[in-house]
Amino acid sequence: MKHLMAAVAILALSAFPAMAADTRVQCDFYSLERAQAAARTQGPALLGQVTTAMTPVALDAVYVFDNAIRRKVMAQDLFARRTPNNSVELIARLVNCTDFPLQVQGRTSFLDAQQIPTENTSAWQTIFIQPRSFATYREVSIGANVAYYMIELKGNQ
């Protein structure tokens, strides 16, 4: 029975969309400084990507980077669809897991197939979520050249 319950729990968790709530960006400044020191021997340079300096951030997901709300809000579901003018509409159904009202803020980055931003990151939107209830975050891209997206959530300071 215990194994059956564990299998059901794993199956239930795999049904939810990607949410990088427990994944924190890890930065290794030592690797970055070593790469910069090596580049300085060849003249001034800006290093845009040192592969060992930072963990990658999940795309096509909701990323909660604020510890103040990390265990208070979840994305129950995440939808992306093309609009009639070929832009991308994102809809995230957020759940308040607490017994008190929450205000969170969300914004979206839209990226092309090479993961280059297709437009400026959207403005922060405030989302009000009642206790043990749901709210919807929605954003629409300006352009049509969108292959990936990333939604960021933070507490409303």
Protein backbone atom coordinates (compact mmCIF):
# COMPACT_ATOMS: atom_id res chain seq x y z
CA MET A 1 0.00 0.00 0.00
CA LYS A 2 2.86 2.35 0.88
CA HIS A 3 4.46 1.80 -2.56
CA LEU A 4 1.13 2.39 -4.30
CA MET A 5 0.68 5.72 -2.47
CA ALA A 6 4.21 6.77 -3.41
CA ALA A 7 3.57 5.90 -7.07
CA VAL A 8 0.31 7.89 -7.06
CA ALA A 9 2.11 10.88 -5.51
CA ILE A 10 4.85 10.75 -8.15
CA LEU A 11 2.27 10.47 -10.93
CA ALA A 12 0.28 13.40 -9.53
CA LEU A 13 3.38 15.60 -9.32
CA SER A 14 4.42 14.76 -12.88
CA ALA A 15 1.06 16.03 -14.16
CA PHE A 16 1.80 19.60 -13.12
CA PRO A 17 3.57 22.04 -15.46
CA ALA A 18 7.17 23.04 -14.98
CA MET A 19 7.64 25.25 -11.94
CA ALA A 20 11.14 26.02 -10.82
CA ALA A 21 10.07 27.03 -7.30
CA ASP A 22 12.71 24.97 -5.51
CA THR A 23 15.46 25.60 -8.03
CA ARG A 24 17.65 28.49 -7.06
CA VAL A 25 20.15 30.07 -9.37
CA GLN A 26 23.60 29.20 -8.13
CA CYS A 27 26.43 31.57 -9.06
CA ASP A 28 30.07 30.51 -8.94
CA PHE A 29 32.04 33.75 -8.95
CA TYR A 30 35.34 31.86 -8.68
CA SER A 31 34.83 30.36 -12.18
CA LEU A 32 33.82 33.75 -13.55
CA GLU A 33 36.85 35.49 -12.02
CA ARG A 34 39.21 32.83 -13.42
CA ALA A 35 37.74 33.25 -16.91
CA GLN A 36 37.97 37.04 -16.65
CA ALA A 37 41.59 36.84 -15.50
CA ALA A 38 42.43 34.65 -18.49
CA ALA A 39 40.67 37.09 -20.84
CA ARG A 40 42.54 40.09 -19.38
CA THR A 41 45.85 38.64 -20.60
CA GLN A 42 44.51 39.13 -24.14
CA GLY A 43 43.15 42.64 -23.57
CA PRO A 44 39.88 44.06 -22.21
CA ALA A 45 36.84 41.83 -22.64
CA LEU A 46 33.33 41.32 -21.39
CA LEU A 47 32.42 37.69 -20.81
CA GLY A 48 28.78 36.94 -21.50
CA GLN A 49 28.72 33.27 -20.66
CA VAL A 50 30.98 31.23 -18.45
CA THR A 51 29.30 27.82 -18.47
CA THR A 52 30.51 26.75 -15.03
CA ALA A 53 29.64 30.03 -13.30
CA MET A 54 25.87 29.65 -13.02
CA THR A 55 23.16 27.00 -13.06
CA PRO A 56 20.70 27.33 -15.94
CA VAL A 57 17.19 28.66 -15.31
CA ALA A 58 14.27 26.60 -16.62
CA LEU A 59 12.40 28.01 -19.61
CA ASP A 60 8.68 27.60 -20.32
CA ALA A 61 8.14 27.66 -16.56
CA VAL A 62 7.18 29.77 -13.58
CA TYR A 63 10.22 30.72 -11.51
CA VAL A 64 9.69 31.85 -7.90
CA PHE A 65 12.88 33.60 -6.88
CA ASP A 66 11.65 35.37 -3.75
CA ASN A 67 12.13 33.39 -0.52
CA ALA A 68 9.26 35.36 1.07
CA ILE A 69 6.70 33.56 -1.12
CA ARG A 70 8.57 30.37 -2.05
CA ARG A 71 6.39 28.12 0.16
CA LYS A 72 3.24 30.23 -0.11
CA VAL A 73 2.30 30.20 -3.78
CA MET A 74 2.35 27.55 -6.51
CA ALA A 75 1.49 27.40 -10.18
CA GLN A 76 -1.32 24.88 -10.54
CA ASP A 77 -1.29 25.08 -14.31
CA LEU A 78 0.45 26.91 -17.13
CA PHE A 79 -0.88 27.46 -20.65
CA ALA A 80 0.68 28.99 -23.76
CA ARG A 81 -1.20 29.56 -26.99
CA ARG A 82 -0.97 31.54 -30.21
CA THR A 83 -3.41 34.41 -30.63
CA PRO A 84 -5.07 35.21 -33.99
CA ASN A 85 -2.27 37.72 -34.75
CA ASN A 86 0.35 35.00 -33.97
CA SER A 87 1.62 36.51 -30.71
CA VAL A 88 1.89 34.23 -27.66
CA GLU A 89 -0.55 34.41 -24.76
CA LEU A 90 0.55 32.94 -21.43
CA ILE A 91 -1.84 32.07 -18.64
CA ALA A 92 -0.67 30.82 -15.24
CA ARG A 93 -3.16 29.67 -12.62
CA LEU A 94 -1.61 30.49 -9.25
CA VAL A 95 -2.63 28.97 -5.92
CA ASN A 96 -2.34 30.66 -2.53
CA CYS A 97 -1.33 27.83 -0.17
CA THR A 98 -1.75 29.97 2.96
CA ASP A 99 -4.63 31.02 5.21
CA PHE A 100 -4.20 34.72 4.48
CA PRO A 101 -4.47 36.91 1.35
CA LEU A 102 -1.35 37.26 -0.77
CA GLN A 103 -0.12 39.86 -3.21
CA VAL A 104 2.54 38.64 -5.61
CA GLN A 105 4.06 40.22 -8.68
CA GLY A 106 4.75 38.53 -11.99
CA ARG A 107 6.53 39.41 -15.20
CA THR A 108 7.43 37.53 -18.36
CA SER A 109 10.42 37.29 -20.67
CA PHE A 110 9.75 36.11 -24.24
CA LEU A 111 12.65 34.47 -26.12
CA ASP A 112 13.25 33.26 -29.67
CA ALA A 113 14.55 29.83 -30.72
CA GLN A 114 18.13 30.85 -29.84
CA GLN A 115 16.91 32.03 -26.40
CA ILE A 116 17.48 35.68 -27.28
CA PRO A 117 14.85 38.11 -25.94
CA THR A 118 12.32 39.03 -28.60
CA GLU A 119 11.15 42.11 -26.67
CA ASN A 120 11.66 43.88 -23.37
CA THR A 121 10.65 41.99 -20.26
CA SER A 122 7.05 42.81 -19.39
CA ALA A 123 6.18 45.20 -16.56
CA TRP A 124 5.55 43.73 -13.12
CA GLN A 125 1.86 42.94 -12.58
CA THR A 126 0.36 42.64 -9.11
CA ILE A 127 -1.75 39.54 -8.58
CA PHE A 128 -4.13 39.34 -5.59
CA ILE A 129 -4.83 35.81 -4.34
CA GLN A 130 -7.38 35.10 -1.61
CA PRO A 131 -6.54 32.48 1.09
CA ARG A 132 -6.55 28.88 -0.20
CA SER A 133 -7.73 30.19 -3.55
CA PHE A 134 -6.67 30.73 -7.17
CA ALA A 135 -5.77 33.73 -9.31
CA THR A 136 -4.71 34.07 -12.92
CA TYR A 137 -1.59 35.74 -14.28
CA ARG A 138 -1.79 36.59 -17.98
CA GLU A 139 0.66 38.13 -20.44
CA VAL A 140 0.72 38.46 -24.23
CA SER A 141 3.84 38.93 -26.34
CA ILE A 142 4.09 41.86 -28.71
CA GLY A 143 5.72 39.92 -31.52
CA ALA A 144 5.25 36.53 -33.10
CA ASN A 145 8.85 35.27 -33.01
CA VAL A 146 8.48 33.59 -29.60
CA ALA A 147 9.77 30.06 -28.96
CA TYR A 148 10.30 30.16 -25.18
CA TYR A 149 9.18 32.16 -22.18
CA MET A 150 9.92 32.50 -18.49
CA ILE A 151 7.53 33.84 -15.86
CA GLU A 152 9.10 35.28 -12.71
CA LEU A 153 7.21 35.68 -9.43
CA LYS A 154 8.17 37.73 -6.39
CA GLY A 155 6.44 39.06 -3.30
CA ASN A 156 4.81 42.49 -3.48
CA GLN A 157 7.05 44.71 -1.37
